[in-house]
C-alpha atoms as a PDB file:
ATOM      1  CA  MET A   1     -27.197  13.470 -11.832  1.00  0.00           C
ATOM      2  CA  ASN A   2     -26.608  13.674  -8.080  1.00  0.00           C
ATOM      3  CA  ILE A   3     -26.880  10.520  -6.054  1.00  0.00           C
ATOM      4  CA  ILE A   4     -26.521  12.392  -2.694  1.00  0.00           C
ATOM      5  CA  ASN A   5     -27.738  15.904  -2.060  1.00  0.00           C
ATOM      6  CA  ILE A   6     -27.000  17.830   1.158  1.00  0.00           C
ATOM      7  CA  HIS A   7     -29.042  20.885   2.125  1.00  0.00           C
ATOM      8  CA  ASP A   8     -27.961  23.523   4.653  1.00  0.00           C
ATOM      9  CA  LEU A   9     -26.303  20.995   6.992  1.00  0.00           C
ATOM     10  CA  TYR A  10     -25.189  22.110  10.472  1.00  0.00           C
ATOM     11  CA  PHE A  11     -23.320  20.033  13.042  1.00  0.00           C
ATOM     12  CA  SER A  12     -21.512  20.934  16.293  1.00  0.00           C
ATOM     13  CA  TYR A  13     -19.529  19.200  19.015  1.00  0.00           C
ATOM     14  CA  GLY A  14     -20.971  20.897  22.068  1.00  0.00           C
ATOM     15  CA  ASP A  15     -20.499  24.627  21.594  1.00  0.00           C
ATOM     16  CA  LYS A  16     -18.055  24.198  18.719  1.00  0.00           C
ATOM     17  CA  ASN A  17     -19.636  24.492  15.272  1.00  0.00           C
ATOM     18  CA  ILE A  18     -18.062  22.156  12.716  1.00  0.00           C
ATOM     19  CA  LEU A  19     -20.471  22.225   9.757  1.00  0.00           C
ATOM     20  CA  ASN A  20     -21.908  25.649   9.066  1.00  0.00           C
ATOM     21  CA  GLY A  21     -24.595  25.318   6.429  1.00  0.00           C
ATOM     22  CA  ILE A  22     -23.119  22.761   3.961  1.00  0.00           C
ATOM     23  CA  SER A  23     -25.127  22.543   0.759  1.00  0.00           C
ATOM     24  CA  VAL A  24     -23.589  20.309  -1.955  1.00  0.00           C
ATOM     25  CA  GLY A  25     -24.391  17.457  -4.329  1.00  0.00           C
ATOM     26  CA  PHE A  26     -22.362  14.347  -5.168  1.00  0.00           C
ATOM     27  CA  LYS A  27     -22.583  13.123  -8.767  1.00  0.00           C
ATOM     28  CA  LYS A  28     -23.427   9.563  -9.607  1.00  0.00           C
ATOM     29  CA  ASN A  29     -20.654   7.321 -10.962  1.00  0.00           C
ATOM     30  CA  LYS A  30     -17.926   9.826 -10.149  1.00  0.00           C
ATOM     31  CA  ILE A  31     -15.057  10.013  -7.703  1.00  0.00           C
ATOM     32  CA  THR A  32     -15.473  13.158  -5.712  1.00  0.00           C
ATOM     33  CA  GLY A  33     -12.666  14.378  -3.460  1.00  0.00           C
ATOM     34  CA  ILE A  34     -13.338  16.390  -0.347  1.00  0.00           C
ATOM     35  CA  LEU A  35     -10.396  18.686   0.434  1.00  0.00           C
ATOM     36  CA  GLY A  36      -9.650  21.296   3.015  1.00  0.00           C
ATOM     37  CA  PRO A  37      -7.320  22.060   5.977  1.00  0.00           C
ATOM     38  CA  ASN A  38      -7.354  20.097   9.242  1.00  0.00           C
ATOM     39  CA  GLY A  39     -10.469  20.634  11.321  1.00  0.00           C
ATOM     40  CA  CYS A  40     -12.580  22.107   8.516  1.00  0.00           C
ATOM     41  CA  GLY A  41     -15.258  19.356   8.756  1.00  0.00           C
ATOM     42  CA  LYS A  42     -14.320  16.850   6.003  1.00  0.00           C
ATOM     43  CA  SER A  43     -14.464  13.660   8.086  1.00  0.00           C
ATOM     44  CA  THR A  44     -17.377  15.015  10.077  1.00  0.00           C
ATOM     45  CA  LEU A  45     -19.378  15.393   6.865  1.00  0.00           C
ATOM     46  CA  LEU A  46     -18.788  11.742   5.960  1.00  0.00           C
ATOM     47  CA  LYS A  47     -19.808  10.619   9.407  1.00  0.00           C
ATOM     48  CA  ASN A  48     -23.039  12.619   9.173  1.00  0.00           C
ATOM     49  CA  ILE A  49     -23.828  10.924   5.777  1.00  0.00           C
ATOM     50  CA  LEU A  50     -23.142   7.506   7.367  1.00  0.00           C
ATOM     51  CA  GLY A  51     -25.302   8.293  10.383  1.00  0.00           C
ATOM     52  CA  TYR A  52     -22.425   7.896  12.828  1.00  0.00           C
ATOM     53  CA  LEU A  53     -23.087  11.519  13.851  1.00  0.00           C
ATOM     54  CA  LYS A  54     -26.474  13.266  14.031  1.00  0.00           C
ATOM     55  CA  TYR A  55     -26.557  16.632  12.342  1.00  0.00           C
ATOM     56  CA  THR A  56     -28.143  19.547  14.185  1.00  0.00           C
ATOM     57  CA  SER A  57     -30.237  20.728  11.239  1.00  0.00           C
ATOM     58  CA  GLY A  58     -30.468  20.428   7.510  1.00  0.00           C
ATOM     59  CA  GLN A  59     -31.157  17.429   5.277  1.00  0.00           C
ATOM     60  CA  ILE A  60     -29.254  14.680   3.490  1.00  0.00           C
ATOM     61  CA  GLU A  61     -30.986  12.952   0.577  1.00  0.00           C
ATOM     62  CA  LEU A  62     -30.001   9.667  -1.005  1.00  0.00           C
ATOM     63  CA  ASP A  63     -31.675   9.358  -4.399  1.00  0.00           C
ATOM     64  CA  ASN A  64     -34.122  12.096  -3.292  1.00  0.00           C
ATOM     65  CA  ILE A  65     -35.069  10.149  -0.118  1.00  0.00           C
ATOM     66  CA  ASP A  66     -34.435  11.719   3.252  1.00  0.00           C
ATOM     67  CA  ILE A  67     -31.641   9.574   4.640  1.00  0.00           C
ATOM     68  CA  LYS A  68     -33.207   9.680   8.102  1.00  0.00           C
ATOM     69  CA  LYS A  69     -36.096   7.620   6.754  1.00  0.00           C
ATOM     70  CA  LEU A  70     -33.717   4.704   6.001  1.00  0.00           C
ATOM     71  CA  THR A  71     -32.737   2.127   8.582  1.00  0.00           C
ATOM     72  CA  GLN A  72     -29.083   1.572   9.238  1.00  0.00           C
ATOM     73  CA  LYS A  73     -29.309  -1.765   7.396  1.00  0.00           C
ATOM     74  CA  GLU A  74     -30.922  -0.107   4.387  1.00  0.00           C
ATOM     75  CA  LYS A  75     -28.104   2.481   4.328  1.00  0.00           C
ATOM     76  CA  ALA A  76     -25.536  -0.290   4.675  1.00  0.00           C
ATOM     77  CA  LYS A  77     -26.855  -1.907   1.544  1.00  0.00           C
ATOM     78  CA  ARG A  78     -26.251   1.353  -0.346  1.00  0.00           C
ATOM     79  CA  ILE A  79     -23.182   2.921   1.307  1.00  0.00           C
ATOM     80  CA  SER A  80     -19.963   1.232   2.363  1.00  0.00           C
ATOM     81  CA  PHE A  81     -17.105   2.875   4.260  1.00  0.00           C
ATOM     82  CA  VAL A  82     -13.319   2.669   4.199  1.00  0.00           C
ATOM     83  CA  PRO A  83     -11.965   4.358   7.355  1.00  0.00           C
ATOM     84  CA  GLN A  84      -8.588   5.939   7.811  1.00  0.00           C
ATOM     85  CA  LYS A  85      -7.710   2.961   9.984  1.00  0.00           C
ATOM     86  CA  SER A  86      -9.592   0.220  11.726  1.00  0.00           C
ATOM     87  CA  GLN A  87      -9.158  -0.726  15.386  1.00  0.00           C
ATOM     88  CA  LEU A  88      -9.025  -4.440  14.770  1.00  0.00           C
ATOM     89  CA  MET A  89      -8.990  -6.067  18.211  1.00  0.00           C
ATOM     90  CA  SER A  90      -9.260  -9.764  17.237  1.00  0.00           C
ATOM     91  CA  ASP A  91      -7.034 -12.187  15.356  1.00  0.00           C
ATOM     92  CA  MET A  92      -9.457 -12.580  12.466  1.00  0.00           C
ATOM     93  CA  THR A  93      -8.121 -13.907   9.221  1.00  0.00           C
ATOM     94  CA  VAL A  94      -8.175 -11.650   6.214  1.00  0.00           C
ATOM     95  CA  HIS A  95     -10.936 -13.832   4.751  1.00  0.00           C
ATOM     96  CA  ASP A  96     -13.165 -13.535   7.833  1.00  0.00           C
ATOM     97  CA  PHE A  97     -12.508  -9.785   8.170  1.00  0.00           C
ATOM     98  CA  VAL A  98     -13.524  -9.081   4.548  1.00  0.00           C
ATOM     99  CA  LEU A  99     -16.522 -11.441   4.899  1.00  0.00           C
ATOM    100  CA  MET A 100     -17.939  -8.984   7.492  1.00  0.00           C
ATOM    101  CA  GLY A 101     -18.822  -6.769   4.557  1.00  0.00           C
ATOM    102  CA  ARG A 102     -21.648  -9.226   3.772  1.00  0.00           C
ATOM    103  CA  LEU A 103     -23.378  -8.652   7.160  1.00  0.00           C
ATOM    104  CA  PRO A 104     -25.979  -6.152   5.715  1.00  0.00           C
ATOM    105  CA  HIS A 105     -27.138  -8.792   3.277  1.00  0.00           C
ATOM    106  CA  LEU A 106     -27.938 -11.500   5.867  1.00  0.00           C
ATOM    107  CA  ASN A 107     -31.656 -11.873   6.436  1.00  0.00           C
ATOM    108  CA  ASN A 108     -31.105 -12.125  10.191  1.00  0.00           C
ATOM    109  CA  SER A 109     -28.245 -12.556  12.677  1.00  0.00           C
ATOM    110  CA  TRP A 110     -28.771 -16.322  12.769  1.00  0.00           C
ATOM    111  CA  ASP A 111     -28.250 -16.770   9.060  1.00  0.00           C
ATOM    112  CA  GLY A 112     -24.958 -18.176   7.956  1.00  0.00           C
ATOM    113  CA  TYR A 113     -22.967 -16.771   5.061  1.00  0.00           C
ATOM    114  CA  SER A 114     -23.879 -18.190   1.627  1.00  0.00           C
ATOM    115  CA  LYS A 115     -21.651 -19.710  -1.058  1.00  0.00           C
ATOM    116  CA  LYS A 116     -22.056 -16.422  -2.947  1.00  0.00           C
ATOM    117  CA  ASP A 117     -20.742 -14.464   0.049  1.00  0.00           C
ATOM    118  CA  HIS A 118     -17.551 -16.560   0.221  1.00  0.00           C
ATOM    119  CA  GLU A 119     -17.118 -16.383  -3.547  1.00  0.00           C
ATOM    120  CA  LEU A 120     -17.312 -12.574  -3.433  1.00  0.00           C
ATOM    121  CA  VAL A 121     -14.576 -12.488  -0.787  1.00  0.00           C
ATOM    122  CA  THR A 122     -12.326 -14.648  -2.902  1.00  0.00           C
ATOM    123  CA  GLN A 123     -13.068 -12.579  -6.027  1.00  0.00           C
ATOM    124  CA  TYR A 124     -12.167  -9.238  -4.480  1.00  0.00           C
ATOM    125  CA  LEU A 125      -9.097 -10.556  -2.618  1.00  0.00           C
ATOM    126  CA  GLN A 126      -7.871 -11.767  -5.985  1.00  0.00           C
ATOM    127  CA  GLU A 127      -8.692  -8.451  -7.741  1.00  0.00           C
ATOM    128  CA  LEU A 128      -6.796  -6.483  -5.074  1.00  0.00           C
ATOM    129  CA  ASP A 129      -3.828  -8.897  -5.055  1.00  0.00           C
ATOM    130  CA  LEU A 130      -4.625 -10.019  -1.524  1.00  0.00           C
ATOM    131  CA  ASP A 131      -5.448 -13.680  -2.112  1.00  0.00           C
ATOM    132  CA  LYS A 132      -2.020 -14.739  -0.827  1.00  0.00           C
ATOM    133  CA  PHE A 133      -3.074 -13.300   2.574  1.00  0.00           C
ATOM    134  CA  ILE A 134      -6.483 -15.032   2.710  1.00  0.00           C
ATOM    135  CA  ASN A 135      -5.625 -17.108   5.802  1.00  0.00           C
ATOM    136  CA  ARG A 136      -3.210 -14.588   7.333  1.00  0.00           C
ATOM    137  CA  LYS A 137      -4.179 -12.907  10.606  1.00  0.00           C
ATOM    138  CA  ALA A 138      -5.334  -9.425   9.596  1.00  0.00           C
ATOM    139  CA  PRO A 139      -3.457  -7.570  12.398  1.00  0.00           C
ATOM    140  CA  THR A 140      -0.110  -8.856  11.083  1.00  0.00           C
ATOM    141  CA  LEU A 141      -0.461  -7.067   7.748  1.00  0.00           C
ATOM    142  CA  SER A 142       1.438  -3.923   6.861  1.00  0.00           C
ATOM    143  CA  GLY A 143      -0.386  -0.599   6.700  1.00  0.00           C
ATOM    144  CA  GLY A 144      -0.629  -0.666   2.879  1.00  0.00           C
ATOM    145  CA  GLU A 145      -1.825  -4.301   2.828  1.00  0.00           C
ATOM    146  CA  PHE A 146      -4.421  -3.691   5.524  1.00  0.00           C
ATOM    147  CA  GLN A 147      -5.763  -0.560   3.779  1.00  0.00           C
ATOM    148  CA  ARG A 148      -6.388  -2.680   0.687  1.00  0.00           C
ATOM    149  CA  VAL A 149      -8.193  -5.196   2.909  1.00  0.00           C
ATOM    150  CA  LEU A 150     -10.446  -2.389   4.144  1.00  0.00           C
ATOM    151  CA  LEU A 151     -11.237  -1.530   0.518  1.00  0.00           C
ATOM    152  CA  ALA A 152     -11.939  -5.226  -0.223  1.00  0.00           C
ATOM    153  CA  ARG A 153     -14.400  -5.339   2.663  1.00  0.00           C
ATOM    154  CA  ALA A 154     -16.186  -2.244   1.284  1.00  0.00           C
ATOM    155  CA  LEU A 155     -16.378  -3.760  -2.240  1.00  0.00           C
ATOM    156  CA  VAL A 156     -17.652  -7.071  -0.858  1.00  0.00           C
ATOM    157  CA  GLN A 157     -20.458  -5.086   0.803  1.00  0.00           C
ATOM    158  CA  ASP A 158     -21.722  -4.647  -2.763  1.00  0.00           C
ATOM    159  CA  THR A 159     -22.939  -1.073  -2.444  1.00  0.00           C
ATOM    160  CA  ASP A 160     -23.192   1.523  -5.215  1.00  0.00           C
ATOM    161  CA  ILE A 161     -21.573   4.235  -3.035  1.00  0.00           C
ATOM    162  CA  ILE A 162     -18.275   4.058  -1.170  1.00  0.00           C
ATOM    163  CA  LEU A 163     -17.119   6.648   1.307  1.00  0.00           C
ATOM    164  CA  LEU A 164     -13.391   6.811   2.133  1.00  0.00           C
ATOM    165  CA  ASP A 165     -11.881   8.846   4.951  1.00  0.00           C
ATOM    166  CA  GLU A 166      -8.246   9.731   4.291  1.00  0.00           C
ATOM    167  CA  PRO A 167      -7.503   6.196   3.025  1.00  0.00           C
ATOM    168  CA  THR A 168      -3.943   7.093   1.948  1.00  0.00           C
ATOM    169  CA  SER A 169      -2.788   9.182   4.928  1.00  0.00           C
ATOM    170  CA  ALA A 170      -0.682   6.464   6.506  1.00  0.00           C
ATOM    171  CA  LEU A 171       0.664   5.036   3.234  1.00  0.00           C
ATOM    172  CA  ASP A 172       3.830   5.652   1.328  1.00  0.00           C
ATOM    173  CA  LEU A 173       3.519   7.100  -2.128  1.00  0.00           C
ATOM    174  CA  ASN A 174       3.653   3.785  -3.959  1.00  0.00           C
ATOM    175  CA  HIS A 175       0.944   2.227  -1.822  1.00  0.00           C
ATOM    176  CA  ALA A 176      -1.193   5.364  -1.947  1.00  0.00           C
ATOM    177  CA  LEU A 177      -1.056   5.346  -5.789  1.00  0.00           C
ATOM    178  CA  ASP A 178      -1.880   1.650  -5.865  1.00  0.00           C
ATOM    179  CA  LEU A 179      -4.878   2.017  -3.540  1.00  0.00           C
ATOM    180  CA  MET A 180      -6.306   4.935  -5.511  1.00  0.00           C
ATOM    181  CA  ALA A 181      -5.705   3.100  -8.820  1.00  0.00           C
ATOM    182  CA  LYS A 182      -7.530  -0.023  -7.469  1.00  0.00           C
ATOM    183  CA  LEU A 183     -10.395   2.175  -6.333  1.00  0.00           C
ATOM    184  CA  LYS A 184     -10.721   3.913  -9.753  1.00  0.00           C
ATOM    185  CA  GLU A 185     -10.467   0.598 -11.585  1.00  0.00           C
ATOM    186  CA  ASN A 186     -13.428  -0.793  -9.579  1.00  0.00           C
ATOM    187  CA  MET A 187     -15.411   2.443  -9.906  1.00  0.00           C
ATOM    188  CA  ASP A 188     -15.159   2.409 -13.662  1.00  0.00           C
ATOM    189  CA  LYS A 189     -15.795  -1.272 -14.019  1.00  0.00           C
ATOM    190  CA  LYS A 190     -18.878  -1.379 -11.753  1.00  0.00           C
ATOM    191  CA  ASN A 191     -20.265   2.143 -12.269  1.00  0.00           C
ATOM    192  CA  LEU A 192     -19.872   2.974  -8.590  1.00  0.00           C
ATOM    193  CA  THR A 193     -19.791   6.359  -6.866  1.00  0.00           C
ATOM    194  CA  ALA A 194     -16.956   7.247  -4.467  1.00  0.00           C
ATOM    195  CA  ILE A 195     -16.624  10.149  -2.031  1.00  0.00           C
ATOM    196  CA  VAL A 196     -13.088  10.390  -0.616  1.00  0.00           C
ATOM    197  CA  VAL A 197     -11.549  12.701   1.940  1.00  0.00           C
ATOM    198  CA  LEU A 198      -7.940  13.423   0.869  1.00  0.00           C
ATOM    199  CA  HIS A 199      -5.018  15.500   2.169  1.00  0.00           C
ATOM    200  CA  ASP A 200      -2.803  14.832  -0.877  1.00  0.00           C
ATOM    201  CA  LEU A 201      -3.736  17.427  -3.421  1.00  0.00           C
ATOM    202  CA  ASN A 202      -1.846  15.761  -6.266  1.00  0.00           C
ATOM    203  CA  LEU A 203      -3.628  12.402  -5.630  1.00  0.00           C
ATOM    204  CA  ALA A 204      -6.893  14.334  -5.795  1.00  0.00           C
ATOM    205  CA  GLY A 205      -5.855  15.907  -9.073  1.00  0.00           C
ATOM    206  CA  MET A 206      -4.891  12.559 -10.518  1.00  0.00           C
ATOM    207  CA  PHE A 207      -7.884  10.467  -9.520  1.00  0.00           C
ATOM    208  CA  CYS A 208     -10.943  12.656  -8.721  1.00  0.00           C
ATOM    209  CA  ASP A 209     -13.540  13.639 -11.337  1.00  0.00           C
ATOM    210  CA  GLU A 210     -14.946  16.347  -9.016  1.00  0.00           C
ATOM    211  CA  ILE A 211     -13.563  18.196  -6.048  1.00  0.00           C
ATOM    212  CA  ILE A 212     -15.342  19.907  -3.192  1.00  0.00           C
ATOM    213  CA  MET A 213     -13.161  22.278  -1.118  1.00  0.00           C
ATOM    214  CA  ILE A 214     -14.232  23.080   2.405  1.00  0.00           C
ATOM    215  CA  LYS A 215     -13.058  25.890   4.684  1.00  0.00           C
ATOM    216  CA  ASP A 216     -14.396  26.707   8.160  1.00  0.00           C
ATOM    217  CA  GLY A 217     -17.211  24.198   7.791  1.00  0.00           C
ATOM    218  CA  LYS A 218     -18.559  25.716   4.587  1.00  0.00           C
ATOM    219  CA  VAL A 219     -18.245  24.789   0.927  1.00  0.00           C
ATOM    220  CA  PHE A 220     -15.602  27.095  -0.540  1.00  0.00           C
ATOM    221  CA  THR A 221     -15.773  25.929  -4.127  1.00  0.00           C
ATOM    222  CA  THR A 222     -16.628  22.897  -6.276  1.00  0.00           C
ATOM    223  CA  GLY A 223     -15.654  21.714  -9.731  1.00  0.00           C
ATOM    224  CA  THR A 224     -13.160  19.632 -11.663  1.00  0.00           C
ATOM    225  CA  PRO A 225      -9.526  19.411 -10.505  1.00  0.00           C
ATOM    226  CA  ILE A 226      -8.537  22.051 -13.087  1.00  0.00           C
ATOM    227  CA  GLU A 227     -11.273  24.392 -11.860  1.00  0.00           C
ATOM    228  CA  THR A 228     -10.557  23.978  -8.166  1.00  0.00           C
ATOM    229  CA  LEU A 229      -6.889  23.314  -7.786  1.00  0.00           C
ATOM    230  CA  THR A 230      -5.755  26.835  -8.574  1.00  0.00           C
ATOM    231  CA  LYS A 231      -3.075  28.976  -6.981  1.00  0.00           C
ATOM    232  CA  ASP A 232      -5.649  31.440  -5.781  1.00  0.00           C
ATOM    233  CA  ASN A 233      -7.858  28.780  -4.174  1.00  0.00           C
ATOM    234  CA  LEU A 234      -4.906  27.019  -2.488  1.00  0.00           C
ATOM    235  CA  LYS A 235      -3.706  30.309  -1.113  1.00  0.00           C
ATOM    236  CA  LYS A 236      -7.086  31.183   0.306  1.00  0.00           C
ATOM    237  CA  ILE A 237      -7.790  27.738   1.767  1.00  0.00           C
ATOM    238  CA  TYR A 238      -4.374  26.514   2.884  1.00  0.00           C
ATOM    239  CA  ASN A 239      -2.346  29.716   2.853  1.00  0.00           C
ATOM    240  CA  LEU A 240      -0.163  27.838   0.443  1.00  0.00           C
ATOM    241  CA  ASP A 241       2.080  29.455  -2.133  1.00  0.00           C
ATOM    242  CA  CYS A 242       2.696  27.142  -5.088  1.00  0.00           C
ATOM    243  CA  GLU A 243       3.305  26.659  -8.735  1.00  0.00           C
ATOM    244  CA  ILE A 244       0.971  24.468 -10.758  1.00  0.00           C
ATOM    245  CA  LEU A 245       2.152  22.394 -13.703  1.00  0.00           C
ATOM    246  CA  TYR A 246      -0.078  20.381 -16.064  1.00  0.00           C
ATOM    247  CA  THR A 247       0.558  16.880 -17.364  1.00  0.00           C
ATOM    248  CA  SER A 248      -0.054  15.822 -20.954  1.00  0.00           C
ATOM    249  CA  GLU A 249      -3.535  14.702 -19.782  1.00  0.00           C
ATOM    250  CA  ASN A 250      -4.102  18.211 -18.425  1.00  0.00           C
ATOM    251  CA  THR A 251      -3.967  17.001 -14.834  1.00  0.00           C
ATOM    252  CA  PRO A 252      -2.839  19.734 -12.435  1.00  0.00           C
ATOM    253  CA  TYR A 253       0.342  19.008 -10.410  1.00  0.00           C
ATOM    254  CA  ILE A 254       1.044  21.248  -7.448  1.00  0.00           C
ATOM    255  CA  ILE A 255       4.563  22.219  -6.468  1.00  0.00           C
ATOM    256  CA  PRO A 256       4.604  24.012  -3.094  1.00  0.00           C
ATOM    257  CA  LYS A 257       6.887  26.961  -2.339  1.00  0.00           C
ATOM    258  CA  LEU A 258       8.618  27.634   0.969  1.00  0.00           C
ATOM    259  CA  LYS A 259       7.567  30.655   2.983  1.00  0.00           C
ATOM    260  CA  GLY A 260       9.015  33.683   1.305  1.00  0.00           C
ATOM    261  CA  GLY A 261       8.106  32.418  -2.148  1.00  0.00           C
ATOM    262  CA  LYS A 262      11.125  30.194  -2.861  1.00  0.00           C
ATOM    263  CA  ASN A 263      10.590  26.943  -4.801  1.00  0.00           C
ATOM    264  CA  ILE A 264      11.576  23.820  -2.818  1.00  0.00           C
ATOM    265  CA  TRP A 265      13.340  22.167  -5.760  1.00  0.00           C
ATOM    266  CA  LYS A 266      16.903  22.857  -6.655  1.00  0.00           C
ATOM    267  CA  LYS A 267      17.838  24.283 -10.037  1.00  0.00           C
END
């Protein structure tokens, strides 16, 4: 069952077409990875779903309702967002920054946060091993720590859909694995749906249930990691020569080759 359906979506920046007739569905209670080369329209697609950008034509449906018929607050109660990075300009504490995720649930701007709001912040900071930073100034955190804080804010928002835009791009491998594992743990426990833009193909293979591959603003292919992460697809989309190994869990693992067809590992 699809929770979001996109029909013939077009978007352009001025005269430059970015999305060229995207039609795709996102399955409920699954982690769907959006892959493709730089500039293909991955992040632009997320921003159109969120309403940050206004598509030229087409339709986006959330549970079969035209998303344009929903107010921004109604969407914020259903969809949360983890950006690639956040331009945090103030010296907010981690607690107060994560508490901002409860804003869509306030009846009006004069309402104060409830006891439940503060309890949810504490709960998710503990689940993501961030409780030791609760009174720390958020801008003083490392990149990996702050990325987990962004995930905590999205979880506190208490939505059934989370969009993530390259959440691991600035993280080392250990922190990237940790963040994706925390995401999957919460998805499975709370029956959530995640749509995540990724550059790391192996992270996509490890953690995504479904993959959508985009090229030149169009859907190139969709399917499971085994169905999509093939040598032929990676050559056509990234011009990448590679070998693909499979783990005992049948997860594809991509080993790139240097130009000229040589493997990069030493024998």
